């Protein structure tokens, strides 16, 4: 079960941005910023952002591979594994 994200009004963020960033980095959890009582943005620490970007890159490559397979194109397994190893090594 996913944790309920912390929520902070944009006015609190404006008043104590440094403290909010400390809290964000300490908790390692996303922080939902609200404006006029509605969710307006989500703040995440840089590590979580970078991890998400790496995961999205891998998912895009997998989707591309699926499209290539359906189209009768593709790459050798050794090439795909080498590329995956390189992506994982840059973690």
PDB file of N, CA and C in Angstrom:
ATOM      1  N   UNK A   1       0.844  -1.177   0.000  1.00  0.00           N
ATOM      2  CA  UNK A   1       0.000   0.000   0.000  1.00  0.00           C
ATOM      3  C   UNK A   1       0.886   1.236   0.000  1.00  0.00           C
ATOM      4  N   UNK A   2       0.608   2.152  -0.870  1.00  0.00           N
ATOM      5  CA  UNK A   2       1.406   3.377  -0.988  1.00  0.00           C
ATOM      6  C   UNK A   2       1.126   4.306   0.190  1.00  0.00           C
ATOM      7  N   UNK A   3       2.170   4.987   0.613  1.00  0.00           N
ATOM      8  CA  UNK A   3       2.028   5.946   1.713  1.00  0.00           C
ATOM      9  C   UNK A   3       1.266   7.175   1.229  1.00  0.00           C
ATOM     10  N   UNK A   4       0.524   7.778   2.123  1.00  0.00           N
ATOM     11  CA  UNK A   4      -0.183   9.017   1.804  1.00  0.00           C
ATOM     12  C   UNK A   4       0.864  10.126   1.738  1.00  0.00           C
ATOM     13  N   UNK A   5       0.914  10.877   0.644  1.00  0.00           N
ATOM     14  CA  UNK A   5       1.949  11.905   0.517  1.00  0.00           C
ATOM     15  C   UNK A   5       1.715  13.068   1.485  1.00  0.00           C
ATOM     16  N   UNK A   6       2.832  13.701   1.868  1.00  0.00           N
ATOM     17  CA  UNK A   6       2.719  14.929   2.648  1.00  0.00           C
ATOM     18  C   UNK A   6       2.136  16.016   1.763  1.00  0.00           C
ATOM     19  N   UNK A   7       1.394  16.919   2.374  1.00  0.00           N
ATOM     20  CA  UNK A   7       0.747  18.010   1.640  1.00  0.00           C
ATOM     21  C   UNK A   7       1.138  19.325   2.298  1.00  0.00           C
ATOM     22  N   UNK A   8       1.445  20.327   1.470  1.00  0.00           N
ATOM     23  CA  UNK A   8       1.824  21.641   1.980  1.00  0.00           C
ATOM     24  C   UNK A   8       1.216  22.720   1.090  1.00  0.00           C
ATOM     25  N   UNK A   9       0.629  23.739   1.674  1.00  0.00           N
ATOM     26  CA  UNK A   9       0.113  24.852   0.867  1.00  0.00           C
ATOM     27  C   UNK A   9       1.277  25.636   0.243  1.00  0.00           C
ATOM     28  N   UNK A  10       1.049  26.199  -0.915  1.00  0.00           N
ATOM     29  CA  UNK A  10       2.089  26.964  -1.593  1.00  0.00           C
ATOM     30  C   UNK A  10       2.547  28.141  -0.731  1.00  0.00           C
ATOM     31  N   UNK A  11       1.662  28.703   0.087  1.00  0.00           N
ATOM     32  CA  UNK A  11       2.051  29.816   0.959  1.00  0.00           C
ATOM     33  C   UNK A  11       3.099  29.370   1.984  1.00  0.00           C
ATOM     34  N   UNK A  12       2.958  28.140   2.517  1.00  0.00           N
ATOM     35  CA  UNK A  12       3.964  27.613   3.448  1.00  0.00           C
ATOM     36  C   UNK A  12       5.288  27.376   2.730  1.00  0.00           C
ATOM     37  N   UNK A  13       5.210  26.903   1.501  1.00  0.00           N
ATOM     38  CA  UNK A  13       6.423  26.686   0.717  1.00  0.00           C
ATOM     39  C   UNK A  13       7.153  28.012   0.494  1.00  0.00           C
ATOM     40  N   UNK A  14       6.404  29.060   0.167  1.00  0.00           N
ATOM     41  CA  UNK A  14       7.013  30.381  -0.035  1.00  0.00           C
ATOM     42  C   UNK A  14       7.674  30.882   1.239  1.00  0.00           C
ATOM     43  N   UNK A  15       7.037  30.677   2.365  1.00  0.00           N
ATOM     44  CA  UNK A  15       7.557  31.196   3.636  1.00  0.00           C
ATOM     45  C   UNK A  15       8.784  30.443   4.122  1.00  0.00           C
ATOM     46  N   UNK A  16       8.895  29.153   3.819  1.00  0.00           N
ATOM     47  CA  UNK A  16      10.014  28.373   4.335  1.00  0.00           C
ATOM     48  C   UNK A  16      10.480  27.347   3.313  1.00  0.00           C
ATOM     49  N   UNK A  17      10.962  27.824   2.189  1.00  0.00           N
ATOM     50  CA  UNK A  17      11.402  26.921   1.123  1.00  0.00           C
ATOM     51  C   UNK A  17      12.552  26.032   1.579  1.00  0.00           C
ATOM     52  N   UNK A  18      13.536  26.603   2.276  1.00  0.00           N
ATOM     53  CA  UNK A  18      14.694  25.817   2.723  1.00  0.00           C
ATOM     54  C   UNK A  18      14.260  24.723   3.690  1.00  0.00           C
ATOM     55  N   UNK A  19      13.388  25.059   4.628  1.00  0.00           N
ATOM     56  CA  UNK A  19      12.890  24.071   5.572  1.00  0.00           C
ATOM     57  C   UNK A  19      12.083  22.981   4.874  1.00  0.00           C
ATOM     58  N   UNK A  20      11.316  23.369   3.886  1.00  0.00           N
ATOM     59  CA  UNK A  20      10.522  22.406   3.127  1.00  0.00           C
ATOM     60  C   UNK A  20      11.436  21.447   2.378  1.00  0.00           C
ATOM     61  N   UNK A  21      12.508  21.967   1.794  1.00  0.00           N
ATOM     62  CA  UNK A  21      13.450  21.095   1.083  1.00  0.00           C
ATOM     63  C   UNK A  21      14.146  20.141   2.040  1.00  0.00           C
ATOM     64  N   UNK A  22      14.486  20.624   3.231  1.00  0.00           N
ATOM     65  CA  UNK A  22      15.098  19.729   4.236  1.00  0.00           C
ATOM     66  C   UNK A  22      14.132  18.597   4.582  1.00  0.00           C
ATOM     67  N   UNK A  23      12.886  18.972   4.808  1.00  0.00           N
ATOM     68  CA  UNK A  23      11.847  17.978   5.137  1.00  0.00           C
ATOM     69  C   UNK A  23      11.690  16.962   4.008  1.00  0.00           C
ATOM     70  N   UNK A  24      11.684  17.453   2.781  1.00  0.00           N
ATOM     71  CA  UNK A  24      11.545  16.596   1.610  1.00  0.00           C
ATOM     72  C   UNK A  24      12.704  15.607   1.520  1.00  0.00           C
ATOM     73  N   UNK A  25      13.918  16.096   1.689  1.00  0.00           N
ATOM     74  CA  UNK A  25      15.093  15.228   1.586  1.00  0.00           C
ATOM     75  C   UNK A  25      15.185  14.250   2.753  1.00  0.00           C
ATOM     76  N   UNK A  26      14.724  14.662   3.913  1.00  0.00           N
ATOM     77  CA  UNK A  26      14.750  13.790   5.087  1.00  0.00           C
ATOM     78  C   UNK A  26      13.737  12.647   4.936  1.00  0.00           C
ATOM     79  N   UNK A  27      12.553  12.974   4.465  1.00  0.00           N
ATOM     80  CA  UNK A  27      11.479  11.980   4.388  1.00  0.00           C
ATOM     81  C   UNK A  27      11.621  11.044   3.192  1.00  0.00           C
ATOM     82  N   UNK A  28      12.281  11.502   2.131  1.00  0.00           N
ATOM     83  CA  UNK A  28      12.421  10.727   0.887  1.00  0.00           C
ATOM     84  C   UNK A  28      11.076  10.434   0.230  1.00  0.00           C
ATOM     85  N   UNK A  29      10.041  11.175   0.616  1.00  0.00           N
ATOM     86  CA  UNK A  29       8.700  10.985   0.065  1.00  0.00           C
ATOM     87  C   UNK A  29       8.286  12.216  -0.741  1.00  0.00           C
ATOM     88  N   UNK A  30       7.425  12.037  -1.742  1.00  0.00           N
ATOM     89  CA  UNK A  30       6.935  13.185  -2.506  1.00  0.00           C
ATOM     90  C   UNK A  30       6.162  14.145  -1.599  1.00  0.00           C
ATOM     91  N   UNK A  31       6.134  15.383  -1.996  1.00  0.00           N
ATOM     92  CA  UNK A  31       5.427  16.426  -1.254  1.00  0.00           C
ATOM     93  C   UNK A  31       4.457  17.103  -2.214  1.00  0.00           C
ATOM     94  N   UNK A  32       3.180  17.037  -1.919  1.00  0.00           N
ATOM     95  CA  UNK A  32       2.162  17.643  -2.772  1.00  0.00           C
ATOM     96  C   UNK A  32       1.992  19.097  -2.343  1.00  0.00           C
ATOM     97  N   UNK A  33       2.116  20.003  -3.297  1.00  0.00           N
ATOM     98  CA  UNK A  33       1.929  21.433  -3.040  1.00  0.00           C
ATOM     99  C   UNK A  33       0.529  21.798  -3.522  1.00  0.00           C
ATOM    100  N   UNK A  34      -0.234  22.436  -2.620  1.00  0.00           N
ATOM    101  CA  UNK A  34      -1.594  22.835  -2.981  1.00  0.00           C
ATOM    102  C   UNK A  34      -1.671  24.342  -3.192  1.00  0.00           C
ATOM    103  N   UNK A  35      -2.619  24.726  -4.008  1.00  0.00           N
ATOM    104  CA  UNK A  35      -2.895  26.143  -4.260  1.00  0.00           C
ATOM    105  C   UNK A  35      -4.407  26.282  -4.301  1.00  0.00           C
ATOM    106  N   UNK A  36      -4.922  27.147  -3.452  1.00  0.00           N
ATOM    107  CA  UNK A  36      -6.373  27.325  -3.316  1.00  0.00           C
ATOM    108  C   UNK A  36      -7.079  26.007  -2.991  1.00  0.00           C
ATOM    109  N   UNK A  37      -6.408  25.183  -2.173  1.00  0.00           N
ATOM    110  CA  UNK A  37      -7.002  23.935  -1.708  1.00  0.00           C
ATOM    111  C   UNK A  37      -6.945  22.771  -2.673  1.00  0.00           C
ATOM    112  N   UNK A  38      -6.293  22.965  -3.813  1.00  0.00           N
ATOM    113  CA  UNK A  38      -6.204  21.889  -4.807  1.00  0.00           C
ATOM    114  C   UNK A  38      -4.751  21.563  -5.102  1.00  0.00           C
ATOM    115  N   UNK A  39      -4.477  20.306  -5.373  1.00  0.00           N
ATOM    116  CA  UNK A  39      -3.123  19.888  -5.715  1.00  0.00           C
ATOM    117  C   UNK A  39      -2.651  20.646  -6.953  1.00  0.00           C
ATOM    118  N   UNK A  40      -1.477  21.261  -6.854  1.00  0.00           N
ATOM    119  CA  UNK A  40      -0.950  22.048  -7.969  1.00  0.00           C
ATOM    120  C   UNK A  40       0.371  21.494  -8.495  1.00  0.00           C
ATOM    121  N   UNK A  41       1.131  20.816  -7.627  1.00  0.00           N
ATOM    122  CA  UNK A  41       2.433  20.301  -8.037  1.00  0.00           C
ATOM    123  C   UNK A  41       2.873  19.234  -7.047  1.00  0.00           C
ATOM    124  N   UNK A  42       3.858  18.467  -7.482  1.00  0.00           N
ATOM    125  CA  UNK A  42       4.467  17.474  -6.605  1.00  0.00           C
ATOM    126  C   UNK A  42       5.966  17.722  -6.604  1.00  0.00           C
ATOM    127  N   UNK A  43       6.531  17.843  -5.416  1.00  0.00           N
ATOM    128  CA  UNK A  43       7.975  17.990  -5.265  1.00  0.00           C
ATOM    129  C   UNK A  43       8.556  16.641  -4.878  1.00  0.00           C
ATOM    130  N   UNK A  44       9.656  16.275  -5.528  1.00  0.00           N
ATOM    131  CA  UNK A  44      10.379  15.058  -5.160  1.00  0.00           C
ATOM    132  C   UNK A  44      11.849  15.411  -5.053  1.00  0.00           C
ATOM    133  N   UNK A  45      12.573  14.658  -4.228  1.00  0.00           N
ATOM    134  CA  UNK A  45      14.006  14.855  -4.113  1.00  0.00           C
ATOM    135  C   UNK A  45      14.699  14.474  -5.412  1.00  0.00           C
ATOM    136  N   UNK A  46      15.913  14.954  -5.572  1.00  0.00           N
ATOM    137  CA  UNK A  46      16.652  14.720  -6.823  1.00  0.00           C
ATOM    138  C   UNK A  46      16.906  13.240  -7.062  1.00  0.00           C
ATOM    139  N   UNK A  47      17.177  12.480  -6.016  1.00  0.00           N
ATOM    140  CA  UNK A  47      17.427  11.045  -6.187  1.00  0.00           C
ATOM    141  C   UNK A  47      16.181  10.334  -6.721  1.00  0.00           C
ATOM    142  N   UNK A  48      15.029  10.656  -6.173  1.00  0.00           N
ATOM    143  CA  UNK A  48      13.780  10.045  -6.636  1.00  0.00           C
ATOM    144  C   UNK A  48      13.489  10.457  -8.079  1.00  0.00           C
ATOM    145  N   UNK A  49      13.760  11.707  -8.397  1.00  0.00           N
ATOM    146  CA  UNK A  49      13.541  12.190  -9.767  1.00  0.00           C
ATOM    147  C   UNK A  49      14.436  11.429 -10.744  1.00  0.00           C
ATOM    148  N   UNK A  50      15.725  11.308 -10.404  1.00  0.00           N
ATOM    149  CA  UNK A  50      16.665  10.628 -11.292  1.00  0.00           C
ATOM    150  C   UNK A  50      16.302   9.152 -11.454  1.00  0.00           C
ATOM    151  N   UNK A  51      15.895   8.506 -10.360  1.00  0.00           N
ATOM    152  CA  UNK A  51      15.487   7.103 -10.430  1.00  0.00           C
ATOM    153  C   UNK A  51      14.273   6.964 -11.356  1.00  0.00           C
ATOM    154  N   UNK A  52      13.306   7.862 -11.213  1.00  0.00           N
ATOM    155  CA  UNK A  52      12.120   7.824 -12.065  1.00  0.00           C
ATOM    156  C   UNK A  52      12.459   8.022 -13.540  1.00  0.00           C
ATOM    157  N   UNK A  53      13.393   8.924 -13.805  1.00  0.00           N
ATOM    158  CA  UNK A  53      13.811   9.153 -15.194  1.00  0.00           C
ATOM    159  C   UNK A  53      14.479   7.920 -15.782  1.00  0.00           C
ATOM    160  N   UNK A  54      15.329   7.251 -14.993  1.00  0.00           N
ATOM    161  CA  UNK A  54      15.967   6.017 -15.468  1.00  0.00           C
ATOM    162  C   UNK A  54      14.913   4.949 -15.753  1.00  0.00           C
ATOM    163  N   UNK A  55      13.942   4.818 -14.844  1.00  0.00           N
ATOM    164  CA  UNK A  55      12.887   3.830 -15.040  1.00  0.00           C
ATOM    165  C   UNK A  55      12.062   4.133 -16.277  1.00  0.00           C
ATOM    166  N   UNK A  56      11.755   5.401 -16.515  1.00  0.00           N
ATOM    167  CA  UNK A  56      10.997   5.774 -17.718  1.00  0.00           C
ATOM    168  C   UNK A  56      11.799   5.465 -18.985  1.00  0.00           C
ATOM    169  N   UNK A  57      13.104   5.690 -18.941  1.00  0.00           N
ATOM    170  CA  UNK A  57      13.945   5.386 -20.099  1.00  0.00           C
ATOM    171  C   UNK A  57      13.902   3.900 -20.413  1.00  0.00           C
ATOM    172  N   UNK A  58      13.998   3.072 -19.382  1.00  0.00           N
ATOM    173  CA  UNK A  58      13.943   1.624 -19.585  1.00  0.00           C
ATOM    174  C   UNK A  58      12.586   1.211 -20.141  1.00  0.00           C
ATOM    175  N   UNK A  59      11.513   1.770 -19.603  1.00  0.00           N
ATOM    176  CA  UNK A  59      10.177   1.432 -20.096  1.00  0.00           C
ATOM    177  C   UNK A  59       9.997   1.855 -21.554  1.00  0.00           C
ATOM    178  N   UNK A  60      10.536   3.026 -21.920  1.00  0.00           N
ATOM    179  CA  UNK A  60      10.448   3.470 -23.315  1.00  0.00           C
ATOM    180  C   UNK A  60      11.192   2.512 -24.237  1.00  0.00           C
ATOM    181  N   UNK A  61      12.377   2.051 -23.781  1.00  0.00           N
ATOM    182  CA  UNK A  61      13.151   1.108 -24.593  1.00  0.00           C
ATOM    183  C   UNK A  61      12.399  -0.216 -24.751  1.00  0.00           C
ATOM    184  N   UNK A  62      11.763  -0.668 -23.682  1.00  0.00           N
ATOM    185  CA  UNK A  62      10.978  -1.903 -23.771  1.00  0.00           C
ATOM    186  C   UNK A  62       9.804  -1.744 -24.736  1.00  0.00           C
ATOM    187  N   UNK A  63       9.121  -0.615 -24.664  1.00  0.00           N
ATOM    188  CA  UNK A  63       8.001  -0.359 -25.579  1.00  0.00           C
ATOM    189  C   UNK A  63       8.486  -0.292 -27.019  1.00  0.00           C
ATOM    190  N   UNK A  64       9.639   0.350 -27.221  1.00  0.00           N
ATOM    191  CA  UNK A  64      10.208   0.425 -28.563  1.00  0.00           C
ATOM    192  C   UNK A  64      10.531  -0.974 -29.070  1.00  0.00           C
ATOM    193  N   UNK A  65      11.088  -1.801 -28.205  1.00  0.00           N
ATOM    194  CA  UNK A  65      11.396  -3.177 -28.586  1.00  0.00           C
ATOM    195  C   UNK A  65      10.155  -3.957 -28.966  1.00  0.00           C
ATOM    196  N   UNK A  66       9.080  -3.772 -28.203  1.00  0.00           N
ATOM    197  CA  UNK A  66       7.824  -4.439 -28.529  1.00  0.00           C
ATOM    198  C   UNK A  66       7.323  -4.018 -29.912  1.00  0.00           C
ATOM    199  N   UNK A  67       7.411  -2.720 -30.196  1.00  0.00           N
ATOM    200  CA  UNK A  67       6.973  -2.235 -31.523  1.00  0.00           C
ATOM    201  C   UNK A  67       7.845  -2.834 -32.626  1.00  0.00           C
ATOM    202  N   UNK A  68       9.144  -2.911 -32.384  1.00  0.00           N
ATOM    203  CA  UNK A  68      10.051  -3.473 -33.386  1.00  0.00           C
ATOM    204  C   UNK A  68       9.770  -4.950 -33.621  1.00  0.00           C
ATOM    205  N   UNK A  69       9.481  -5.688 -32.556  1.00  0.00           N
ATOM    206  CA  UNK A  69       9.165  -7.109 -32.691  1.00  0.00           C
ATOM    207  C   UNK A  69       7.909  -7.281 -33.530  1.00  0.00           C
ATOM    208  N   UNK A  70       6.862  -6.473 -33.243  1.00  0.00           N
ATOM    209  CA  UNK A  70       5.618  -6.561 -34.018  1.00  0.00           C
ATOM    210  C   UNK A  70       5.852  -6.212 -35.487  1.00  0.00           C
ATOM    211  N   UNK A  71       6.819  -5.320 -35.743  1.00  0.00           N
ATOM    212  CA  UNK A  71       7.109  -4.910 -37.120  1.00  0.00           C
ATOM    213  C   UNK A  71       8.111  -5.840 -37.798  1.00  0.00           C
ATOM    214  N   UNK A  72       8.549  -6.879 -37.083  1.00  0.00           N
ATOM    215  CA  UNK A  72       9.499  -7.821 -37.680  1.00  0.00           C
ATOM    216  C   UNK A  72      10.937  -7.327 -37.648  1.00  0.00           C
ATOM    217  N   UNK A  73      11.195  -6.274 -36.894  1.00  0.00           N
ATOM    218  CA  UNK A  73      12.564  -5.774 -36.750  1.00  0.00           C
ATOM    219  C   UNK A  73      13.029  -6.096 -35.340  1.00  0.00           C
ATOM    220  N   UNK A  74      14.270  -5.848 -35.073  1.00  0.00           N
ATOM    221  CA  UNK A  74      14.781  -6.070 -33.722  1.00  0.00           C
ATOM    222  C   UNK A  74      16.289  -6.044 -33.691  1.00  0.00           C
ATOM    223  N   UNK A  75      16.820  -6.377 -32.534  1.00  0.00           N
ATOM    224  CA  UNK A  75      18.270  -6.395 -32.343  1.00  0.00           C
ATOM    225  C   UNK A  75      18.659  -7.729 -31.733  1.00  0.00           C
ATOM    226  N   UNK A  76      19.926  -8.061 -31.859  1.00  0.00           N
ATOM    227  CA  UNK A  76      20.425  -9.287 -31.248  1.00  0.00           C
ATOM    228  C   UNK A  76      20.323  -9.190 -29.736  1.00  0.00           C
ATOM    229  N   UNK A  77      20.064 -10.314 -29.104  1.00  0.00           N
ATOM    230  CA  UNK A  77      19.927 -10.352 -27.655  1.00  0.00           C
ATOM    231  C   UNK A  77      21.182  -9.824 -26.969  1.00  0.00           C
ATOM    232  N   UNK A  78      22.338 -10.153 -27.487  1.00  0.00           N
ATOM    233  CA  UNK A  78      23.590  -9.694 -26.877  1.00  0.00           C
ATOM    234  C   UNK A  78      23.680  -8.163 -26.878  1.00  0.00           C
ATOM    235  N   UNK A  79      23.241  -7.527 -27.956  1.00  0.00           N
ATOM    236  CA  UNK A  79      23.255  -6.064 -28.038  1.00  0.00           C
ATOM    237  C   UNK A  79      22.283  -5.453 -27.033  1.00  0.00           C
ATOM    238  N   UNK A  80      21.115  -6.038 -26.911  1.00  0.00           N
ATOM    239  CA  UNK A  80      20.105  -5.531 -25.980  1.00  0.00           C
ATOM    240  C   UNK A  80      20.606  -5.662 -24.543  1.00  0.00           C
ATOM    241  N   UNK A  81      21.174  -6.801 -24.209  1.00  0.00           N
ATOM    242  CA  UNK A  81      21.682  -7.013 -22.854  1.00  0.00           C
ATOM    243  C   UNK A  81      22.835  -6.069 -22.540  1.00  0.00           C
ATOM    244  N   UNK A  82      23.701  -5.821 -23.509  1.00  0.00           N
ATOM    245  CA  UNK A  82      24.810  -4.889 -23.295  1.00  0.00           C
ATOM    246  C   UNK A  82      24.287  -3.482 -23.036  1.00  0.00           C
ATOM    247  N   UNK A  83      23.266  -3.062 -23.780  1.00  0.00           N
ATOM    248  CA  UNK A  83      22.682  -1.739 -23.567  1.00  0.00           C
ATOM    249  C   UNK A  83      22.005  -1.653 -22.199  1.00  0.00           C
ATOM    250  N   UNK A  84      21.311  -2.717 -21.801  1.00  0.00           N
ATOM    251  CA  UNK A  84      20.668  -2.744 -20.482  1.00  0.00           C
ATOM    252  C   UNK A  84      21.718  -2.685 -19.379  1.00  0.00           C
ATOM    253  N   UNK A  85      22.810  -3.434 -19.538  1.00  0.00           N
ATOM    254  CA  UNK A  85      23.888  -3.397 -18.544  1.00  0.00           C
ATOM    255  C   UNK A  85      24.479  -1.995 -18.408  1.00  0.00           C
ATOM    256  N   UNK A  86      24.610  -1.308 -19.532  1.00  0.00           N
ATOM    257  CA  UNK A  86      25.148   0.054 -19.504  1.00  0.00           C
ATOM    258  C   UNK A  86      24.200   1.006 -18.772  1.00  0.00           C
ATOM    259  N   UNK A  87      22.897   0.881 -19.024  1.00  0.00           N
ATOM    260  CA  UNK A  87      21.920   1.727 -18.322  1.00  0.00           C
ATOM    261  C   UNK A  87      21.947   1.457 -16.827  1.00  0.00           C
ATOM    262  N   UNK A  88      22.032   0.200 -16.457  1.00  0.00           N
ATOM    263  CA  UNK A  88      22.050  -0.152 -15.023  1.00  0.00           C
ATOM    264  C   UNK A  88      23.333   0.328 -14.370  1.00  0.00           C
ATOM    265  N   UNK A  89      24.437   0.271 -15.076  1.00  0.00           N
ATOM    266  CA  UNK A  89      25.736   0.693 -14.518  1.00  0.00           C
ATOM    267  C   UNK A  89      25.770   2.177 -14.205  1.00  0.00           C
ATOM    268  N   UNK A  90      24.951   2.982 -14.865  1.00  0.00           N
ATOM    269  CA  UNK A  90      24.945   4.431 -14.649  1.00  0.00           C
ATOM    270  C   UNK A  90      24.011   4.841 -13.536  1.00  0.00           C
ATOM    271  N   UNK A  91      23.606   3.916 -12.695  1.00  0.00           N
ATOM    272  CA  UNK A  91      22.722   4.205 -11.551  1.00  0.00           C
ATOM    273  C   UNK A  91      23.429   4.986 -10.534  1.00  0.00           C
TER     274      UNK A  91
END
